[in-house]
C-alpha atoms as a PDB file:
ATOM      1  CA  MET A   1      13.913 -10.594 -19.809  1.00  0.00           C
ATOM      2  CA  THR A   2      10.789  -9.164 -18.159  1.00  0.00           C
ATOM      3  CA  GLU A   3      10.263  -9.329 -14.417  1.00  0.00           C
ATOM      4  CA  ALA A   4       7.560 -12.000 -14.751  1.00  0.00           C
ATOM      5  CA  GLU A   5       9.890 -14.092 -16.923  1.00  0.00           C
ATOM      6  CA  ARG A   6      12.676 -13.703 -14.370  1.00  0.00           C
ATOM      7  CA  ILE A   7      10.405 -14.681 -11.495  1.00  0.00           C
ATOM      8  CA  THR A   8       9.234 -17.846 -13.222  1.00  0.00           C
ATOM      9  CA  SER A   9      12.663 -18.763 -14.641  1.00  0.00           C
ATOM     10  CA  GLN A  10      14.099 -18.569 -11.105  1.00  0.00           C
ATOM     11  CA  GLY A  11      11.381 -20.881  -9.840  1.00  0.00           C
ATOM     12  CA  ILE A  12       9.899 -18.264  -7.505  1.00  0.00           C
ATOM     13  CA  LEU A  13       6.512 -18.979  -9.100  1.00  0.00           C
ATOM     14  CA  PRO A  14       5.507 -21.572 -11.735  1.00  0.00           C
ATOM     15  CA  LYS A  15       4.909 -20.395 -15.312  1.00  0.00           C
ATOM     16  CA  LYS A  16       1.327 -21.639 -15.011  1.00  0.00           C
ATOM     17  CA  PHE A  17       0.680 -18.853 -12.491  1.00  0.00           C
ATOM     18  CA  LEU A  18       0.869 -16.303 -15.319  1.00  0.00           C
ATOM     19  CA  GLU A  19      -1.932 -17.870 -17.366  1.00  0.00           C
ATOM     20  CA  GLU A  20      -5.248 -16.066 -17.784  1.00  0.00           C
ATOM     21  CA  GLU A  21      -8.070 -17.511 -15.702  1.00  0.00           C
ATOM     22  CA  ILE A  22     -11.600 -16.768 -14.545  1.00  0.00           C
ATOM     23  CA  ARG A  23     -12.172 -16.161 -10.843  1.00  0.00           C
ATOM     24  CA  CYS A  24     -15.593 -15.213  -9.439  1.00  0.00           C
ATOM     25  CA  ASP A  25     -16.939 -14.607 -12.956  1.00  0.00           C
ATOM     26  CA  PHE A  26     -14.125 -12.132 -13.602  1.00  0.00           C
ATOM     27  CA  THR A  27     -11.449 -12.673 -16.226  1.00  0.00           C
ATOM     28  CA  VAL A  28      -8.022 -12.244 -14.679  1.00  0.00           C
ATOM     29  CA  SER A  29      -5.832 -11.454 -17.678  1.00  0.00           C
ATOM     30  CA  SER A  30      -2.272 -12.637 -18.094  1.00  0.00           C
ATOM     31  CA  THR A  31      -1.191  -9.014 -17.584  1.00  0.00           C
ATOM     32  CA  ILE A  32      -2.853  -8.896 -14.176  1.00  0.00           C
ATOM     33  CA  LYS A  33      -1.327 -12.266 -13.320  1.00  0.00           C
ATOM     34  CA  LYS A  34       2.110 -10.803 -14.130  1.00  0.00           C
ATOM     35  CA  ILE A  35       1.388  -7.875 -11.805  1.00  0.00           C
ATOM     36  CA  TRP A  36       0.383 -10.345  -9.097  1.00  0.00           C
ATOM     37  CA  ALA A  37       3.569 -12.354  -9.628  1.00  0.00           C
ATOM     38  CA  ILE A  38       5.674  -9.216  -9.199  1.00  0.00           C
ATOM     39  CA  GLU A  39       3.740  -8.261  -6.072  1.00  0.00           C
ATOM     40  CA  LEU A  40       4.057 -11.768  -4.631  1.00  0.00           C
ATOM     41  CA  GLU A  41       7.818 -11.622  -5.032  1.00  0.00           C
ATOM     42  CA  MET A  42       7.769  -8.310  -3.149  1.00  0.00           C
ATOM     43  CA  MET A  43       5.690  -9.959  -0.427  1.00  0.00           C
ATOM     44  CA  PHE A  44       8.182 -12.839  -0.168  1.00  0.00           C
ATOM     45  CA  GLU A  45      11.123 -10.462   0.159  1.00  0.00           C
ATOM     46  CA  PHE A  46       9.302  -8.132   2.554  1.00  0.00           C
ATOM     47  CA  ASP A  47       8.365 -11.147   4.677  1.00  0.00           C
ATOM     48  CA  ARG A  48      11.970 -12.407   4.640  1.00  0.00           C
ATOM     49  CA  ILE A  49      13.400  -9.062   5.737  1.00  0.00           C
ATOM     50  CA  CYS A  50      10.801  -8.677   8.488  1.00  0.00           C
ATOM     51  CA  LYS A  51      11.511 -12.168   9.833  1.00  0.00           C
ATOM     52  CA  LYS A  52      15.264 -11.613   9.685  1.00  0.00           C
ATOM     53  CA  ASN A  53      14.966  -8.406  11.714  1.00  0.00           C
ATOM     54  CA  GLY A  54      12.205  -9.479  14.089  1.00  0.00           C
ATOM     55  CA  LEU A  55       9.615  -7.056  12.697  1.00  0.00           C
ATOM     56  CA  LYS A  56       5.858  -7.610  13.004  1.00  0.00           C
ATOM     57  CA  TYR A  57       3.556  -6.992  10.060  1.00  0.00           C
ATOM     58  CA  PHE A  58       0.141  -8.172   8.871  1.00  0.00           C
ATOM     59  CA  LEU A  59      -1.937  -8.158   5.692  1.00  0.00           C
ATOM     60  CA  MET A  60      -4.441  -5.313   5.739  1.00  0.00           C
ATOM     61  CA  TYR A  61      -7.334  -3.689   3.870  1.00  0.00           C
ATOM     62  CA  GLY A  62      -8.055  -5.194   0.432  1.00  0.00           C
ATOM     63  CA  THR A  63      -5.215  -7.678   0.775  1.00  0.00           C
ATOM     64  CA  LEU A  64      -6.662  -8.985   4.036  1.00  0.00           C
ATOM     65  CA  LEU A  65     -10.097  -9.171   2.428  1.00  0.00           C
ATOM     66  CA  GLY A  66      -8.574 -11.164  -0.433  1.00  0.00           C
ATOM     67  CA  ALA A  67      -6.892 -13.524   2.020  1.00  0.00           C
ATOM     68  CA  ILE A  68     -10.147 -14.291   3.838  1.00  0.00           C
ATOM     69  CA  ARG A  69     -12.663 -14.267   0.982  1.00  0.00           C
ATOM     70  CA  HIS A  70     -10.462 -15.561  -1.861  1.00  0.00           C
ATOM     71  CA  LYS A  71      -7.398 -17.146  -0.208  1.00  0.00           C
ATOM     72  CA  GLY A  72      -5.362 -14.750  -2.338  1.00  0.00           C
ATOM     73  CA  PHE A  73      -5.802 -11.654  -4.480  1.00  0.00           C
ATOM     74  CA  ILE A  74      -9.256 -10.206  -4.986  1.00  0.00           C
ATOM     75  CA  PRO A  75      -9.632 -11.048  -8.692  1.00  0.00           C
ATOM     76  CA  TRP A  76     -10.147  -7.392  -9.644  1.00  0.00           C
ATOM     77  CA  ASP A  77      -7.456  -5.972  -7.360  1.00  0.00           C
ATOM     78  CA  ASP A  78      -3.946  -4.964  -8.371  1.00  0.00           C
ATOM     79  CA  ASP A  79      -1.992  -3.945  -5.259  1.00  0.00           C
ATOM     80  CA  VAL A  80      -0.878  -5.184  -1.835  1.00  0.00           C
ATOM     81  CA  ASP A  81      -1.432  -3.519   1.568  1.00  0.00           C
ATOM     82  CA  VAL A  82       0.337  -4.398   4.811  1.00  0.00           C
ATOM     83  CA  GLY A  83       0.337  -2.780   8.241  1.00  0.00           C
ATOM     84  CA  MET A  84       2.980  -2.566  10.953  1.00  0.00           C
ATOM     85  CA  PRO A  85       3.082  -1.288  14.536  1.00  0.00           C
ATOM     86  CA  ARG A  86       4.796   2.114  14.462  1.00  0.00           C
ATOM     87  CA  GLU A  87       7.906   0.827  16.282  1.00  0.00           C
ATOM     88  CA  ASP A  88       8.443  -1.920  13.709  1.00  0.00           C
ATOM     89  CA  TYR A  89       7.649   0.466  10.850  1.00  0.00           C
ATOM     90  CA  GLU A  90      10.349   2.894  12.003  1.00  0.00           C
ATOM     91  CA  LYS A  91      12.876   0.049  12.170  1.00  0.00           C
ATOM     92  CA  LEU A  92      11.908  -0.995   8.634  1.00  0.00           C
ATOM     93  CA  LEU A  93      12.803   2.481   7.376  1.00  0.00           C
ATOM     94  CA  THR A  94      16.404   1.917   8.486  1.00  0.00           C
ATOM     95  CA  LEU A  95      16.673  -1.240   6.358  1.00  0.00           C
ATOM     96  CA  LYS A  96      16.486   0.293   2.879  1.00  0.00           C
ATOM     97  CA  ASP A  97      19.765  -1.373   1.868  1.00  0.00           C
ATOM     98  CA  GLU A  98      18.271  -4.816   2.457  1.00  0.00           C
ATOM     99  CA  PHE A  99      15.919  -4.302  -0.472  1.00  0.00           C
ATOM    100  CA  LYS A 100      18.112  -5.164  -3.451  1.00  0.00           C
ATOM    101  CA  HIS A 101      17.499  -4.021  -7.025  1.00  0.00           C
ATOM    102  CA  PRO A 102      14.990  -4.125  -8.606  1.00  0.00           C
ATOM    103  CA  LEU A 103      13.223  -3.651  -5.261  1.00  0.00           C
ATOM    104  CA  PHE A 104      13.318  -0.192  -3.694  1.00  0.00           C
ATOM    105  CA  LEU A 105      12.072   1.053  -0.327  1.00  0.00           C
ATOM    106  CA  GLN A 106      10.415   4.363  -1.138  1.00  0.00           C
ATOM    107  CA  ASN A 107       9.794   7.246   1.221  1.00  0.00           C
ATOM    108  CA  HIS A 108      10.655  10.949   1.244  1.00  0.00           C
ATOM    109  CA  ILE A 109      14.180  10.207   2.502  1.00  0.00           C
ATOM    110  CA  THR A 110      15.092   7.640  -0.168  1.00  0.00           C
ATOM    111  CA  ASP A 111      13.100   9.363  -2.946  1.00  0.00           C
ATOM    112  CA  PRO A 112      12.743  13.109  -2.148  1.00  0.00           C
ATOM    113  CA  GLU A 113       9.928  13.882  -4.607  1.00  0.00           C
ATOM    114  CA  TYR A 114       7.777  11.097  -3.123  1.00  0.00           C
ATOM    115  CA  CYS A 115       5.823  12.871  -0.383  1.00  0.00           C
ATOM    116  CA  SER A 116       3.170  10.406   0.775  1.00  0.00           C
ATOM    117  CA  SER A 117       2.833   9.750   4.507  1.00  0.00           C
ATOM    118  CA  TYR A 118       3.389   5.997   4.189  1.00  0.00           C
ATOM    119  CA  THR A 119       6.075   3.814   2.629  1.00  0.00           C
ATOM    120  CA  ARG A 120       6.051   1.815  -0.579  1.00  0.00           C
ATOM    121  CA  ILE A 121       8.179  -1.069  -1.783  1.00  0.00           C
ATOM    122  CA  ARG A 122       8.616  -0.635  -5.545  1.00  0.00           C
ATOM    123  CA  ASN A 123       9.863  -2.859  -8.337  1.00  0.00           C
ATOM    124  CA  SER A 124      12.032  -0.484 -10.382  1.00  0.00           C
ATOM    125  CA  ASN A 125      11.849  -2.573 -13.577  1.00  0.00           C
ATOM    126  CA  THR A 126       8.072  -2.182 -13.904  1.00  0.00           C
ATOM    127  CA  THR A 127       5.439   0.542 -14.280  1.00  0.00           C
ATOM    128  CA  ALA A 128       2.600   1.729 -12.034  1.00  0.00           C
ATOM    129  CA  ILE A 129       2.272   5.434 -12.784  1.00  0.00           C
ATOM    130  CA  SER A 130      -0.457   7.530 -11.222  1.00  0.00           C
ATOM    131  CA  LYS A 131      -1.667   9.746 -14.057  1.00  0.00           C
ATOM    132  CA  MET A 132      -1.900  12.684 -11.650  1.00  0.00           C
ATOM    133  CA  LEU A 133       1.724  12.245 -10.538  1.00  0.00           C
ATOM    134  CA  LYS A 134       3.369  11.186 -13.780  1.00  0.00           C
ATOM    135  CA  TYR A 135       5.508  14.355 -13.971  1.00  0.00           C
ATOM    136  CA  GLN A 136       6.966  13.772 -10.518  1.00  0.00           C
ATOM    137  CA  LYS A 137      10.601  12.623 -10.605  1.00  0.00           C
ATOM    138  CA  MET A 138      10.366   9.535  -8.435  1.00  0.00           C
ATOM    139  CA  ASN A 139      10.183   5.761  -8.677  1.00  0.00           C
ATOM    140  CA  HIS A 140       6.935   4.719 -10.392  1.00  0.00           C
ATOM    141  CA  GLY A 141       7.307   0.932 -10.267  1.00  0.00           C
ATOM    142  CA  ILE A 142       4.646  -1.591  -9.229  1.00  0.00           C
ATOM    143  CA  PHE A 143       4.224  -1.270  -5.476  1.00  0.00           C
ATOM    144  CA  LEU A 144       3.415  -2.752  -2.074  1.00  0.00           C
ATOM    145  CA  ASP A 145       1.978  -0.249   0.441  1.00  0.00           C
ATOM    146  CA  VAL A 146       3.230  -0.263   4.050  1.00  0.00           C
ATOM    147  CA  PHE A 147       1.126   1.596   6.645  1.00  0.00           C
ATOM    148  CA  PRO A 148       2.211   2.389  10.221  1.00  0.00           C
ATOM    149  CA  PHE A 149      -0.352   1.848  12.983  1.00  0.00           C
ATOM    150  CA  ASP A 150      -0.391   4.264  15.920  1.00  0.00           C
ATOM    151  CA  ASN A 151      -2.137   4.412  19.282  1.00  0.00           C
ATOM    152  CA  THR A 152      -5.475   6.150  19.627  1.00  0.00           C
ATOM    153  CA  PRO A 153      -7.316   6.815  22.912  1.00  0.00           C
ATOM    154  CA  GLY A 154     -10.725   5.643  21.722  1.00  0.00           C
ATOM    155  CA  ILE A 155     -13.266   5.712  18.949  1.00  0.00           C
ATOM    156  CA  GLU A 156     -15.117   8.727  20.388  1.00  0.00           C
ATOM    157  CA  THR A 157     -12.112  10.964  21.086  1.00  0.00           C
ATOM    158  CA  GLU A 158     -10.083  11.076  17.861  1.00  0.00           C
ATOM    159  CA  ASP A 159      -9.052  14.602  16.844  1.00  0.00           C
ATOM    160  CA  ARG A 160      -6.150  13.944  14.467  1.00  0.00           C
ATOM    161  CA  HIS A 161      -7.710  12.674  11.255  1.00  0.00           C
ATOM    162  CA  GLU A 162      -8.783  16.022   9.782  1.00  0.00           C
ATOM    163  CA  PRO A 163      -5.455  17.824  10.437  1.00  0.00           C
ATOM    164  CA  ILE A 164      -3.501  14.938   8.899  1.00  0.00           C
ATOM    165  CA  ASP A 165      -5.897  14.805   5.940  1.00  0.00           C
ATOM    166  CA  ILE A 166      -5.273  18.513   5.283  1.00  0.00           C
ATOM    167  CA  LEU A 167      -1.501  17.998   5.471  1.00  0.00           C
ATOM    168  CA  ASN A 168      -1.668  14.968   3.158  1.00  0.00           C
ATOM    169  CA  ARG A 169      -3.612  16.997   0.611  1.00  0.00           C
ATOM    170  CA  GLU A 170      -0.942  19.688   0.890  1.00  0.00           C
ATOM    171  CA  ASN A 171       1.765  17.203  -0.069  1.00  0.00           C
ATOM    172  CA  GLY A 172      -0.470  15.674  -2.706  1.00  0.00           C
ATOM    173  CA  THR A 173      -0.711  19.133  -4.270  1.00  0.00           C
ATOM    174  CA  PHE A 174       3.074  19.456  -4.183  1.00  0.00           C
ATOM    175  CA  MET A 175       3.378  16.236  -6.188  1.00  0.00           C
ATOM    176  CA  LYS A 176       1.073  17.684  -8.868  1.00  0.00           C
ATOM    177  CA  LEU A 177       2.817  21.034  -9.325  1.00  0.00           C
ATOM    178  CA  LYS A 178       4.595  19.961 -12.524  1.00  0.00           C
ATOM    179  CA  ASN A 179       1.533  18.381 -14.153  1.00  0.00           C
ATOM    180  CA  PRO A 180       0.134  20.565 -16.978  1.00  0.00           C
ATOM    181  CA  GLU A 181      -2.834  18.212 -17.546  1.00  0.00           C
ATOM    182  CA  LEU A 182      -4.783  18.717 -14.306  1.00  0.00           C
ATOM    183  CA  ASP A 183      -8.550  19.096 -14.066  1.00  0.00           C
ATOM    184  CA  GLU A 184     -10.015  22.360 -12.793  1.00  0.00           C
ATOM    185  CA  LYS A 185     -10.226  21.216  -9.158  1.00  0.00           C
ATOM    186  CA  ASN A 186      -6.551  20.271  -9.028  1.00  0.00           C
ATOM    187  CA  ARG A 187      -5.458  23.367 -10.963  1.00  0.00           C
ATOM    188  CA  LEU A 188      -7.081  25.491  -8.263  1.00  0.00           C
ATOM    189  CA  ARG A 189      -5.299  23.502  -5.570  1.00  0.00           C
ATOM    190  CA  VAL A 190      -1.982  24.044  -7.348  1.00  0.00           C
ATOM    191  CA  GLN A 191      -2.665  27.768  -7.741  1.00  0.00           C
ATOM    192  CA  ASN A 192      -3.366  28.041  -3.997  1.00  0.00           C
ATOM    193  CA  TYR A 193      -0.422  25.889  -2.903  1.00  0.00           C
ATOM    194  CA  SER A 194       1.270  27.299   0.192  1.00  0.00           C
ATOM    195  CA  GLY A 195       4.822  26.550  -0.944  1.00  0.00           C
ATOM    196  CA  ARG A 196       5.568  24.718   2.285  1.00  0.00           C
ATOM    197  CA  ASP A 197       8.493  22.259   2.275  1.00  0.00           C
ATOM    198  CA  PRO A 198       7.021  18.701   2.133  1.00  0.00           C
ATOM    199  CA  SER A 199       9.638  17.549   4.643  1.00  0.00           C
ATOM    200  CA  ASP A 200       8.135  19.896   7.229  1.00  0.00           C
ATOM    201  CA  THR A 201       4.620  18.691   6.394  1.00  0.00           C
ATOM    202  CA  LEU A 202       5.611  15.040   6.803  1.00  0.00           C
ATOM    203  CA  LYS A 203       7.335  15.784  10.101  1.00  0.00           C
ATOM    204  CA  GLU A 204       4.159  17.431  11.392  1.00  0.00           C
ATOM    205  CA  ILE A 205       2.050  14.466  10.195  1.00  0.00           C
ATOM    206  CA  ASP A 206       4.225  12.043  12.162  1.00  0.00           C
ATOM    207  CA  GLU A 207       4.204  14.265  15.250  1.00  0.00           C
ATOM    208  CA  ILE A 208       0.398  14.326  15.203  1.00  0.00           C
ATOM    209  CA  ALA A 209       0.085  10.618  14.406  1.00  0.00           C
ATOM    210  CA  THR A 210       2.360   9.483  17.244  1.00  0.00           C
ATOM    211  CA  ARG A 211       0.914  11.804  19.896  1.00  0.00           C
ATOM    212  CA  TYR A 212      -0.437   8.934  22.029  1.00  0.00           C
ATOM    213  CA  ASN A 213       2.296   6.384  21.406  1.00  0.00           C
ATOM    214  CA  GLY A 214       3.866   6.894  24.818  1.00  0.00           C
ATOM    215  CA  THR A 215       0.792   5.448  26.545  1.00  0.00           C
ATOM    216  CA  GLU A 216      -0.999   2.120  26.238  1.00  0.00           C
ATOM    217  CA  THR A 217      -4.339   2.448  24.463  1.00  0.00           C
ATOM    218  CA  GLU A 218      -7.071  -0.054  23.668  1.00  0.00           C
ATOM    219  CA  TYR A 219      -7.329   1.074  20.053  1.00  0.00           C
ATOM    220  CA  VAL A 220      -4.894   1.593  17.179  1.00  0.00           C
ATOM    221  CA  CYS A 221      -5.313   3.110  13.758  1.00  0.00           C
ATOM    222  CA  SER A 222      -3.396   3.838  10.580  1.00  0.00           C
ATOM    223  CA  ILE A 223      -4.015   7.525  11.012  1.00  0.00           C
ATOM    224  CA  VAL A 224      -1.482   8.643   8.387  1.00  0.00           C
ATOM    225  CA  ASN A 225      -3.579   6.836   5.770  1.00  0.00           C
ATOM    226  CA  THR A 226      -6.326   9.302   4.832  1.00  0.00           C
ATOM    227  CA  MET A 227      -7.167   7.795   1.434  1.00  0.00           C
ATOM    228  CA  GLY A 228     -10.463   6.373   2.689  1.00  0.00           C
ATOM    229  CA  LYS A 229     -12.687   6.523   5.744  1.00  0.00           C
ATOM    230  CA  PHE A 230     -11.056   6.553   9.159  1.00  0.00           C
ATOM    231  CA  ASP A 231     -11.038   3.142  10.885  1.00  0.00           C
ATOM    232  CA  PHE A 232     -10.268   2.194  14.499  1.00  0.00           C
ATOM    233  CA  PHE A 233      -9.261  -1.312  15.582  1.00  0.00           C
ATOM    234  CA  LYS A 234      -8.741  -2.962  18.950  1.00  0.00           C
ATOM    235  CA  ARG A 235      -5.024  -3.452  19.506  1.00  0.00           C
ATOM    236  CA  SER A 236      -5.526  -7.138  20.323  1.00  0.00           C
ATOM    237  CA  ASP A 237      -7.475  -7.663  17.093  1.00  0.00           C
ATOM    238  CA  VAL A 238      -4.714  -6.229  14.901  1.00  0.00           C
ATOM    239  CA  PHE A 239      -1.325  -6.789  16.538  1.00  0.00           C
ATOM    240  CA  ASN A 240      -1.869 -10.479  17.358  1.00  0.00           C
ATOM    241  CA  THR A 241      -1.387 -12.471  14.166  1.00  0.00           C
ATOM    242  CA  ILE A 242      -1.796 -15.935  12.669  1.00  0.00           C
ATOM    243  CA  LEU A 243      -0.539 -17.344   9.379  1.00  0.00           C
ATOM    244  CA  TRP A 244      -3.093 -17.623   6.576  1.00  0.00           C
ATOM    245  CA  ASP A 245      -3.166 -19.018   3.051  1.00  0.00           C
ATOM    246  CA  TYR A 246      -2.586 -16.487   0.303  1.00  0.00           C
ATOM    247  CA  GLU A 247      -2.144 -17.759  -3.269  1.00  0.00           C
ATOM    248  CA  GLY A 248      -0.795 -21.017  -1.848  1.00  0.00           C
ATOM    249  CA  PHE A 249       1.661 -19.328   0.531  1.00  0.00           C
ATOM    250  CA  LYS A 250       1.445 -18.288   4.182  1.00  0.00           C
ATOM    251  CA  PHE A 251       1.409 -14.708   5.406  1.00  0.00           C
ATOM    252  CA  PRO A 252       0.451 -13.167   8.783  1.00  0.00           C
ATOM    253  CA  ILE A 253      -3.012 -11.694   9.244  1.00  0.00           C
ATOM    254  CA  PRO A 254      -4.677 -10.153  12.329  1.00  0.00           C
ATOM    255  CA  THR A 255      -6.315 -12.728  14.603  1.00  0.00           C
ATOM    256  CA  GLY A 256      -9.284 -10.370  14.851  1.00  0.00           C
ATOM    257  CA  TYR A 257      -9.678 -10.262  11.073  1.00  0.00           C
ATOM    258  CA  ASP A 258     -13.474 -10.537  11.296  1.00  0.00           C
ATOM    259  CA  ALA A 259     -13.781  -7.375  13.403  1.00  0.00           C
ATOM    260  CA  VAL A 260     -11.142  -5.619  11.287  1.00  0.00           C
ATOM    261  CA  LEU A 261     -12.868  -6.402   7.990  1.00  0.00           C
ATOM    262  CA  LYS A 262     -16.308  -5.477   9.328  1.00  0.00           C
ATOM    263  CA  GLU A 263     -14.918  -2.110  10.415  1.00  0.00           C
ATOM    264  CA  VAL A 264     -13.403  -1.460   6.975  1.00  0.00           C
ATOM    265  CA  PHE A 265     -15.894  -3.110   4.609  1.00  0.00           C
ATOM    266  CA  GLY A 266     -19.056  -3.936   6.549  1.00  0.00           C
ATOM    267  CA  ASP A 267     -20.535  -7.177   5.155  1.00  0.00           C
ATOM    268  CA  TYR A 268     -17.185  -8.164   3.680  1.00  0.00           C
ATOM    269  CA  MET A 269     -18.193 -11.638   2.460  1.00  0.00           C
ATOM    270  CA  GLN A 270     -20.836 -10.118   0.198  1.00  0.00           C
ATOM    271  CA  MET A 271     -19.468 -10.022  -3.340  1.00  0.00           C
ATOM    272  CA  PRO A 272     -19.970  -6.836  -5.387  1.00  0.00           C
ATOM    273  CA  PRO A 273     -22.259  -7.094  -8.425  1.00  0.00           C
ATOM    274  CA  VAL A 274     -20.538  -8.452 -11.532  1.00  0.00           C
ATOM    275  CA  GLU A 275     -20.756  -5.068 -13.256  1.00  0.00           C
ATOM    276  CA  LYS A 276     -18.758  -3.470 -10.397  1.00  0.00           C
ATOM    277  CA  ARG A 277     -15.942  -6.000 -10.469  1.00  0.00           C
ATOM    278  CA  GLY A 278     -13.279  -3.895 -12.119  1.00  0.00           C
ATOM    279  CA  ILE A 279      -9.616  -3.132 -11.527  1.00  0.00           C
ATOM    280  CA  GLN A 280      -9.267  -0.754  -8.579  1.00  0.00           C
ATOM    281  CA  HIS A 281      -6.471   1.565  -9.716  1.00  0.00           C
ATOM    282  CA  SER A 282      -7.910   2.630 -13.070  1.00  0.00           C
ATOM    283  CA  HIS A 283      -6.118   5.991 -12.677  1.00  0.00           C
ATOM    284  CA  TYR A 284      -2.763   4.191 -12.953  1.00  0.00           C
ATOM    285  CA  ILE A 285      -0.752   3.152 -15.991  1.00  0.00           C
ATOM    286  CA  PHE A 286       0.294  -0.442 -15.243  1.00  0.00           C
ATOM    287  CA  ASP A 287       2.881  -2.327 -17.260  1.00  0.00           C
ATOM    288  CA  PRO A 288       4.603  -5.363 -15.727  1.00  0.00           C
ATOM    289  CA  ASP A 289       6.873  -5.783 -18.766  1.00  0.00           C
ATOM    290  CA  LYS A 290       8.464  -2.322 -19.070  1.00  0.00           C
ATOM    291  CA  PRO A 291      10.260  -0.047 -16.592  1.00  0.00           C
ATOM    292  CA  TYR A 292       8.516   3.230 -15.824  1.00  0.00           C
ATOM    293  CA  GLN A 293      11.388   5.183 -17.391  1.00  0.00           C
ATOM    294  CA  ASP A 294      10.171   4.016 -20.805  1.00  0.00           C
ATOM    295  CA  TYR A 295       6.962   5.993 -20.250  1.00  0.00           C
ATOM    296  CA  LEU A 296       8.511   9.101 -18.718  1.00  0.00           C
END
């Protein structure tokens, strides 16, 4: 039985949810709907564990945009992003045993060859393999990204983004060391790799990221996340939450979602041209029906 079949047979979602449909002039295939079903189950379980343990979280980035503009997934998106205040995030990391198979809380402690600076919840019976990292011995299941948010003194005084970006690239290089299929740019990075222990790099990232967490600041940021541009948010906009519709269910979003989305996306209600509506993670191998071990 595949994960999507299990989810519908258990009544977590109706079978109709898996049917292909057209949203915003974009065909959402049955395969994508299966990926969404798997991610929704992760959201339900993540939400349950956070409520049980009194942890605050909120939908963020593309998932927040989907909640506001589409009342659910962006039709051409294929992942889930949530944020947490650092204190709640650190408590979450102690709850790995509450995520029962096939779910898996992934960080460098639970999965030593995973060296990203944020946490993922994975479904171990599925596949979402980054082509760059496919030789890394770690869990490559479909995922939900969890980002910690730390204090920052103000939008004009941030000095931590570049150092953390350098350290993240260092660990990203480590995760590519075993890949014989790299392009020239990444081969050069591998050749020049320092050999530093990723555990030490991650420790330094967290020390830099939490530098201002002992004092109250007006702004917060997910500074460990250097995958895109660096965004600052008012604490009151992000950490105060309300429940919002998402695929017919309710999840917490920042009360200041308008300011948050404008900071990240600009004119966020403006739809991209039809020709640019494509699946975001094209560099991944996605398969909701097979475990990643079948590919590796």
